[in-house]
Amino acid sequence: MSQMIKLQSGDTTIDAYLAEPTGTPKGGIVLIQEIFGVNSHIRDVTDRMAAAGYTAIAPALFDHVQKEVELEYDEAGMSKGIELVGKLGFDLPLQDVAAAAKRIAGAGKIGVVGFCWGGTVAYLTAIRLGLPAVSYYGGGNTHFVDEKATAPLMFHYGENDAHISAQDRAQVQQANPQAPVHVYPAGHGFNCDRRDSYDPASAKLAMERTLAFFAEHLGGA
């Protein structure tokens, strides 16, 4: 079952998309959006996590600056998303992730997965919130390599990502020597079937590895 709910984050109430599995959950997963909002792609991934047996929740991080944001994967959408990210910063998204994790705490151990800008937020949750996290093509990850993660991590990158260089990937790997850094023959956003850069084979393999990561670190069989 999936639905939009209200989530209390600090002094603010934001929206969140909640998807619940059939039967006893294996754990809980917080989904962290791209710069395009909690759109149909993020809702679909949230539903996939629920289908895999997890209680999954995607908080609408942009609600602090603008409600009901769902942007297109075009130049206008990207410009608007970058503007909203600039206004938002990272402290409020981390607060929202913590609130979302608390909301689904009854599911068991909690993990995080984020995409694009959300991939960097996911990295930060492993550093500052101590939650196991999977970061998909987080372009801002290099800004935080001087901070030590306190939870397991996994990284997914596209080899042909115009926004993330091999040197960037190497910095992240050096800062997190215990974390798998997977590189795919794809570009930025390869997991998203709404993008021209969607790569089905890479997306499938990355999702298999992501679910194996959560099975290991959240205890779900």
Protein backbone atom coordinates (compact mmCIF):
# COMPACT_ATOMS: atom_id res chain seq x y z
CA MET A 1 0.00 0.00 0.00
CA SER A 2 1.28 3.44 -0.95
CA GLN A 3 0.11 6.87 0.09
CA MET A 4 1.14 10.47 0.68
CA ILE A 5 1.41 11.29 4.37
CA LYS A 6 2.29 14.27 6.54
CA LEU A 7 5.66 14.12 8.30
CA GLN A 8 6.70 16.33 11.19
CA SER A 9 10.27 17.54 10.70
CA GLY A 10 11.36 19.92 13.40
CA ASP A 11 8.86 22.79 13.45
CA THR A 12 7.71 22.08 9.89
CA THR A 13 5.23 19.61 8.43
CA ILE A 14 6.27 18.22 5.07
CA ASP A 15 4.80 15.66 2.72
CA ALA A 16 6.23 12.18 2.29
CA TYR A 17 5.44 9.23 0.06
CA LEU A 18 5.07 6.05 2.12
CA ALA A 19 5.02 2.55 0.66
CA GLU A 20 4.47 -0.49 2.87
CA PRO A 21 5.25 -4.12 2.06
CA THR A 22 2.98 -7.11 2.30
CA GLY A 23 3.71 -8.98 5.51
CA THR A 24 6.38 -8.28 8.09
CA PRO A 25 8.92 -5.73 6.85
CA LYS A 26 12.60 -6.64 6.54
CA GLY A 27 13.50 -3.13 7.69
CA GLY A 28 12.94 0.44 6.59
CA ILE A 29 14.43 2.53 3.77
CA VAL A 30 14.40 6.29 3.35
CA LEU A 31 14.47 7.36 -0.31
CA ILE A 32 16.17 10.68 -1.05
CA GLN A 33 15.07 12.52 -4.15
CA GLU A 34 16.99 14.01 -7.05
CA ILE A 35 16.80 17.76 -7.69
CA PHE A 36 13.52 17.09 -9.49
CA GLY A 37 11.43 16.43 -6.36
CA VAL A 38 9.44 13.42 -5.17
CA ASN A 39 8.28 12.72 -8.70
CA SER A 40 6.98 9.60 -10.42
CA HIS A 41 10.49 8.12 -10.66
CA ILE A 42 11.18 8.47 -6.93
CA ARG A 43 7.73 7.13 -6.10
CA ASP A 44 8.35 4.14 -8.37
CA VAL A 45 11.66 3.35 -6.66
CA THR A 46 9.95 3.69 -3.28
CA ASP A 47 7.31 1.20 -4.42
CA ARG A 48 10.06 -1.16 -5.61
CA MET A 49 11.66 -1.10 -2.17
CA ALA A 50 8.29 -1.98 -0.64
CA ALA A 51 7.87 -4.81 -3.15
CA ALA A 52 11.29 -6.07 -2.01
CA GLY A 53 9.94 -6.26 1.56
CA TYR A 54 10.88 -2.92 3.12
CA THR A 55 8.80 -0.12 4.54
CA ALA A 56 9.93 2.76 2.34
CA ILE A 57 9.44 6.50 2.66
CA ALA A 58 10.44 9.43 0.45
CA PRO A 59 10.23 12.79 2.28
CA ALA A 60 9.52 15.84 0.12
CA LEU A 61 12.68 17.75 1.00
CA PHE A 62 11.80 20.81 -1.08
CA ASP A 63 8.67 21.47 1.00
CA HIS A 64 10.73 23.82 3.17
CA VAL A 65 11.06 26.23 0.25
CA GLN A 66 8.29 25.19 -2.17
CA LYS A 67 5.45 22.67 -1.91
CA GLU A 68 4.53 19.93 -4.37
CA VAL A 69 7.64 20.13 -6.53
CA GLU A 70 7.72 17.69 -9.45
CA LEU A 71 10.06 18.91 -12.18
CA GLU A 72 10.63 17.69 -15.71
CA TYR A 73 13.96 16.22 -16.83
CA ASP A 74 14.77 19.17 -19.07
CA GLU A 75 16.81 22.37 -18.89
CA ALA A 76 14.05 24.32 -17.15
CA GLY A 77 13.56 21.56 -14.58
CA MET A 78 17.26 21.31 -13.91
CA SER A 79 17.60 25.09 -13.46
CA LYS A 80 14.68 25.19 -11.04
CA GLY A 81 15.98 22.18 -9.11
CA ILE A 82 19.43 23.72 -8.73
CA GLU A 83 17.80 26.93 -7.49
CA LEU A 84 15.81 25.03 -4.85
CA VAL A 85 18.84 23.02 -3.72
CA GLY A 86 20.77 26.26 -3.29
CA LYS A 87 18.06 27.67 -1.05
CA LEU A 88 17.68 24.49 0.96
CA GLY A 89 21.24 23.55 1.97
CA PHE A 90 21.95 20.25 3.74
CA ASP A 91 20.89 20.74 7.37
CA LEU A 92 17.14 20.61 6.68
CA PRO A 93 17.33 17.55 4.40
CA LEU A 94 19.26 15.69 7.11
CA GLN A 95 16.59 16.73 9.61
CA ASP A 96 13.94 15.37 7.23
CA VAL A 97 15.78 12.08 6.78
CA ALA A 98 16.01 11.68 10.55
CA ALA A 99 12.29 12.42 10.87
CA ALA A 100 11.44 9.93 8.11
CA ALA A 101 13.63 7.27 9.73
CA LYS A 102 11.85 7.84 13.03
CA ARG A 103 8.46 7.58 11.30
CA ILE A 104 9.22 4.07 10.00
CA ALA A 105 11.35 2.90 12.94
CA GLY A 106 8.82 0.17 13.71
CA ALA A 107 9.93 -1.62 10.53
CA GLY A 108 13.31 -2.47 12.08
CA LYS A 109 16.75 -1.24 11.10
CA ILE A 110 16.75 1.75 8.76
CA GLY A 111 18.85 2.40 5.66
CA VAL A 112 18.98 5.22 3.11
CA VAL A 113 19.31 5.41 -0.66
CA GLY A 114 19.61 8.66 -2.61
CA PHE A 115 19.96 9.71 -6.22
CA CYS A 116 21.91 12.60 -7.79
CA TRP A 117 21.78 15.44 -5.22
CA GLY A 118 20.03 12.93 -2.98
CA GLY A 119 23.05 10.67 -3.40
CA THR A 120 25.12 13.29 -1.62
CA VAL A 121 22.48 13.66 1.10
CA ALA A 122 22.60 9.87 1.50
CA TYR A 123 26.38 10.01 1.90
CA LEU A 124 25.92 12.64 4.60
CA THR A 125 23.43 10.47 6.48
CA ALA A 126 26.10 7.78 6.85
CA ILE A 127 28.48 10.45 8.12
CA ARG A 128 26.25 12.49 10.42
CA LEU A 129 23.27 10.26 11.22
CA GLY A 130 24.99 6.87 11.26
CA LEU A 131 22.55 5.23 8.85
CA PRO A 132 23.71 2.65 6.26
CA ALA A 133 23.47 4.41 2.91
CA VAL A 134 23.65 3.83 -0.83
CA SER A 135 24.67 6.84 -2.91
CA TYR A 136 23.79 6.91 -6.60
CA TYR A 137 25.88 9.39 -8.65
CA GLY A 138 26.19 11.99 -5.89
CA GLY A 139 27.92 14.90 -7.57
CA GLY A 140 28.60 16.70 -4.29
CA ASN A 141 30.16 13.73 -2.51
CA THR A 142 33.67 15.15 -2.84
CA HIS A 143 32.70 18.11 -0.64
CA PHE A 144 32.45 15.78 2.36
CA VAL A 145 35.40 13.41 1.96
CA ASP A 146 37.12 15.01 4.96
CA GLU A 147 34.31 13.75 7.22
CA LYS A 148 34.35 10.15 8.42
CA ALA A 149 31.35 7.90 7.82
CA THR A 150 29.99 6.08 10.87
CA ALA A 151 27.88 3.55 8.94
CA PRO A 152 28.33 1.24 5.93
CA LEU A 153 28.25 2.81 2.47
CA MET A 154 27.92 1.79 -1.15
CA PHE A 155 28.45 4.07 -4.15
CA HIS A 156 27.16 3.79 -7.73
CA TYR A 157 28.64 5.92 -10.52
CA GLY A 158 28.42 6.11 -14.29
CA GLU A 159 31.78 5.96 -16.05
CA ASN A 160 30.55 8.48 -18.62
CA ASP A 161 29.01 10.92 -16.13
CA ALA A 162 29.78 14.42 -17.41
CA HIS A 163 29.29 15.82 -13.90
CA ILE A 164 31.52 13.40 -11.96
CA SER A 165 35.10 12.68 -13.00
CA ALA A 166 37.27 9.63 -12.39
CA GLN A 167 39.28 11.81 -10.00
CA ASP A 168 36.09 12.59 -8.06
CA ARG A 169 35.34 8.89 -7.75
CA ALA A 170 38.89 8.21 -6.62
CA GLN A 171 38.59 10.83 -3.86
CA VAL A 172 35.45 9.19 -2.54
CA GLN A 173 37.02 5.73 -2.69
CA GLN A 174 40.15 6.92 -0.88
CA ALA A 175 38.04 8.50 1.87
CA ASN A 176 35.93 5.34 2.23
CA PRO A 177 38.28 2.38 1.61
CA GLN A 178 35.83 -0.16 3.06
CA ALA A 179 32.93 0.93 0.85
CA PRO A 180 32.24 -0.65 -2.55
CA VAL A 181 32.42 1.92 -5.36
CA HIS A 182 30.72 0.47 -8.43
CA VAL A 183 31.26 2.07 -11.83
CA TYR A 184 28.95 1.30 -14.75
CA PRO A 185 29.26 1.88 -18.53
CA ALA A 186 26.66 4.63 -18.34
CA GLY A 187 26.13 8.33 -17.76
CA HIS A 188 24.57 10.44 -15.03
CA GLY A 189 21.09 9.40 -13.90
CA PHE A 190 21.38 5.91 -15.42
CA ASN A 191 18.86 4.49 -12.93
CA CYS A 192 16.03 6.77 -14.07
CA ASP A 193 13.89 5.50 -16.94
CA ARG A 194 12.53 9.04 -17.46
CA ARG A 195 15.97 10.27 -18.54
CA ASP A 196 17.67 9.90 -21.91
CA SER A 197 20.68 8.59 -19.97
CA TYR A 198 18.73 5.61 -18.62
CA ASP A 199 20.76 2.41 -18.94
CA PRO A 200 18.61 -0.66 -18.18
CA ALA A 201 21.46 -3.13 -17.67
CA SER A 202 23.38 -0.82 -15.34
CA ALA A 203 20.20 0.09 -13.45
CA LYS A 204 19.33 -3.57 -12.95
CA LEU A 205 22.78 -4.52 -11.66
CA ALA A 206 22.97 -1.47 -9.38
CA MET A 207 19.56 -2.29 -7.88
CA GLU A 208 20.57 -5.91 -7.28
CA ARG A 209 23.66 -4.69 -5.43
CA THR A 210 21.64 -2.12 -3.51
CA LEU A 211 19.14 -4.71 -2.31
CA ALA A 212 21.98 -7.06 -1.35
CA PHE A 213 23.53 -4.20 0.66
CA PHE A 214 20.30 -3.64 2.55
CA ALA A 215 19.79 -7.37 3.12
CA GLU A 216 23.24 -7.46 4.71
CA HIS A 217 23.09 -4.31 6.79
CA LEU A 218 19.42 -4.18 7.77
CA GLY A 219 19.16 -7.87 8.51
CA GLY A 220 16.45 -8.70 5.99
CA ALA A 221 16.82 -12.17 4.53
